[in-house]
């Protein structure tokens, strides 16, 4: 069951939109190896605005993800790819429908 999540808003630096898109696509294999990451979405919200939404069964799963390879890669590339630091919001999931 999903109880916690993260929403990360990312604003690409000018001219870095394709690199941000490629970065998000490259994150999928990394999160597939995280058993507590129940759902993960790389999002494009606008021409230069991107996001990540991921869901977890509990806060321990969320913390494991934040200490994992995707978060590490995100922070390592943040200064080069993004106009602003990633905006990471802890989310409480009230209701969810997932494939079963």
Protein backbone atom coordinates (compact mmCIF):
# COMPACT_ATOMS: atom_id res chain seq x y z
CA UNK A 1 0.00 0.00 0.00
CA UNK A 2 1.20 3.49 -0.83
CA UNK A 3 1.34 5.90 2.10
CA UNK A 4 4.11 8.38 1.28
CA UNK A 5 5.47 10.02 -1.83
CA UNK A 6 7.77 12.69 -3.16
CA UNK A 7 7.09 15.40 -5.71
CA UNK A 8 10.18 17.04 -7.15
CA UNK A 9 9.81 20.12 -9.34
CA UNK A 10 12.69 20.80 -11.73
CA UNK A 11 13.24 23.91 -13.85
CA UNK A 12 15.71 23.28 -16.65
CA UNK A 13 18.46 25.82 -17.16
CA UNK A 14 18.12 27.62 -20.51
CA UNK A 15 19.12 25.28 -23.33
CA UNK A 16 19.26 22.21 -21.02
CA UNK A 17 15.72 20.93 -21.63
CA UNK A 18 16.80 17.92 -23.72
CA UNK A 19 19.48 17.00 -21.18
CA UNK A 20 16.93 17.09 -18.35
CA UNK A 21 14.60 14.88 -20.38
CA UNK A 22 17.44 12.42 -21.04
CA UNK A 23 18.36 12.48 -17.34
CA UNK A 24 14.81 11.56 -16.33
CA UNK A 25 14.69 8.74 -18.88
CA UNK A 26 17.98 7.39 -17.53
CA UNK A 27 16.56 7.30 -14.00
CA UNK A 28 14.03 4.55 -14.71
CA UNK A 29 16.47 1.60 -14.61
CA UNK A 30 17.89 2.92 -11.33
CA UNK A 31 14.53 3.07 -9.56
CA UNK A 32 13.51 -0.32 -10.95
CA UNK A 33 16.19 -1.72 -8.62
CA UNK A 34 14.59 -0.08 -5.56
CA UNK A 35 12.08 -2.51 -4.04
CA UNK A 36 10.40 0.16 -1.88
CA UNK A 37 9.77 2.50 -4.81
CA UNK A 38 6.28 1.34 -5.75
CA UNK A 39 5.67 3.93 -8.48
CA UNK A 40 7.99 6.41 -10.19
CA UNK A 41 7.17 8.96 -12.88
CA UNK A 42 9.46 11.32 -14.78
CA UNK A 43 7.26 14.23 -15.90
CA UNK A 44 7.34 17.14 -18.31
CA UNK A 45 5.08 19.90 -16.98
CA UNK A 46 5.91 22.55 -19.57
CA UNK A 47 8.60 23.58 -22.07
CA UNK A 48 11.30 23.86 -19.40
CA UNK A 49 9.53 22.55 -16.31
CA UNK A 50 9.91 18.92 -15.30
CA UNK A 51 9.06 16.82 -12.31
CA UNK A 52 9.41 13.50 -10.58
CA UNK A 53 6.63 11.82 -8.64
CA UNK A 54 7.37 8.63 -6.75
CA UNK A 55 5.46 6.63 -4.16
CA UNK A 56 6.46 4.38 -1.27
CA UNK A 57 4.81 2.11 1.30
CA UNK A 58 6.25 4.09 4.21
CA UNK A 59 8.73 6.76 5.21
CA UNK A 60 11.57 4.21 5.40
CA UNK A 61 11.09 3.50 1.68
CA UNK A 62 11.05 7.21 0.91
CA UNK A 63 14.25 7.77 2.91
CA UNK A 64 15.93 4.82 1.16
CA UNK A 65 15.06 6.40 -2.19
CA UNK A 66 16.39 9.79 -1.10
CA UNK A 67 19.67 8.08 -0.20
CA UNK A 68 19.73 6.10 -3.47
CA UNK A 69 21.35 6.42 -6.87
CA UNK A 70 18.71 8.61 -8.56
CA UNK A 71 18.82 11.21 -5.79
CA UNK A 72 22.61 11.10 -5.82
CA UNK A 73 22.70 11.64 -9.60
CA UNK A 74 20.08 14.40 -9.36
CA UNK A 75 22.08 16.37 -6.82
CA UNK A 76 25.36 15.80 -8.70
CA UNK A 77 23.87 17.29 -11.89
CA UNK A 78 21.69 19.96 -10.28
CA UNK A 79 24.05 22.91 -10.76
CA UNK A 80 24.59 22.07 -14.45
CA UNK A 81 21.04 21.12 -15.51
CA UNK A 82 18.69 23.27 -13.46
CA UNK A 83 17.94 26.98 -13.20
CA UNK A 84 17.12 26.53 -9.49
CA UNK A 85 17.82 23.80 -6.94
CA UNK A 86 15.32 20.91 -7.18
CA UNK A 87 12.23 21.59 -5.08
CA UNK A 88 11.60 18.36 -3.13
CA UNK A 89 8.26 18.04 -1.34
CA UNK A 90 7.34 15.18 1.00
CA UNK A 91 3.78 14.06 0.24
CA UNK A 92 1.29 12.06 2.27
CA UNK A 93 -0.80 9.83 0.01
CA UNK A 94 -4.46 9.81 1.01
CA UNK A 95 -5.75 7.48 -1.73
CA UNK A 96 -4.19 5.57 -4.62
CA UNK A 97 -5.05 3.12 -7.38
CA UNK A 98 -2.23 0.99 -8.69
CA UNK A 99 -2.16 -2.11 -10.88
CA UNK A 100 -2.38 -5.19 -8.78
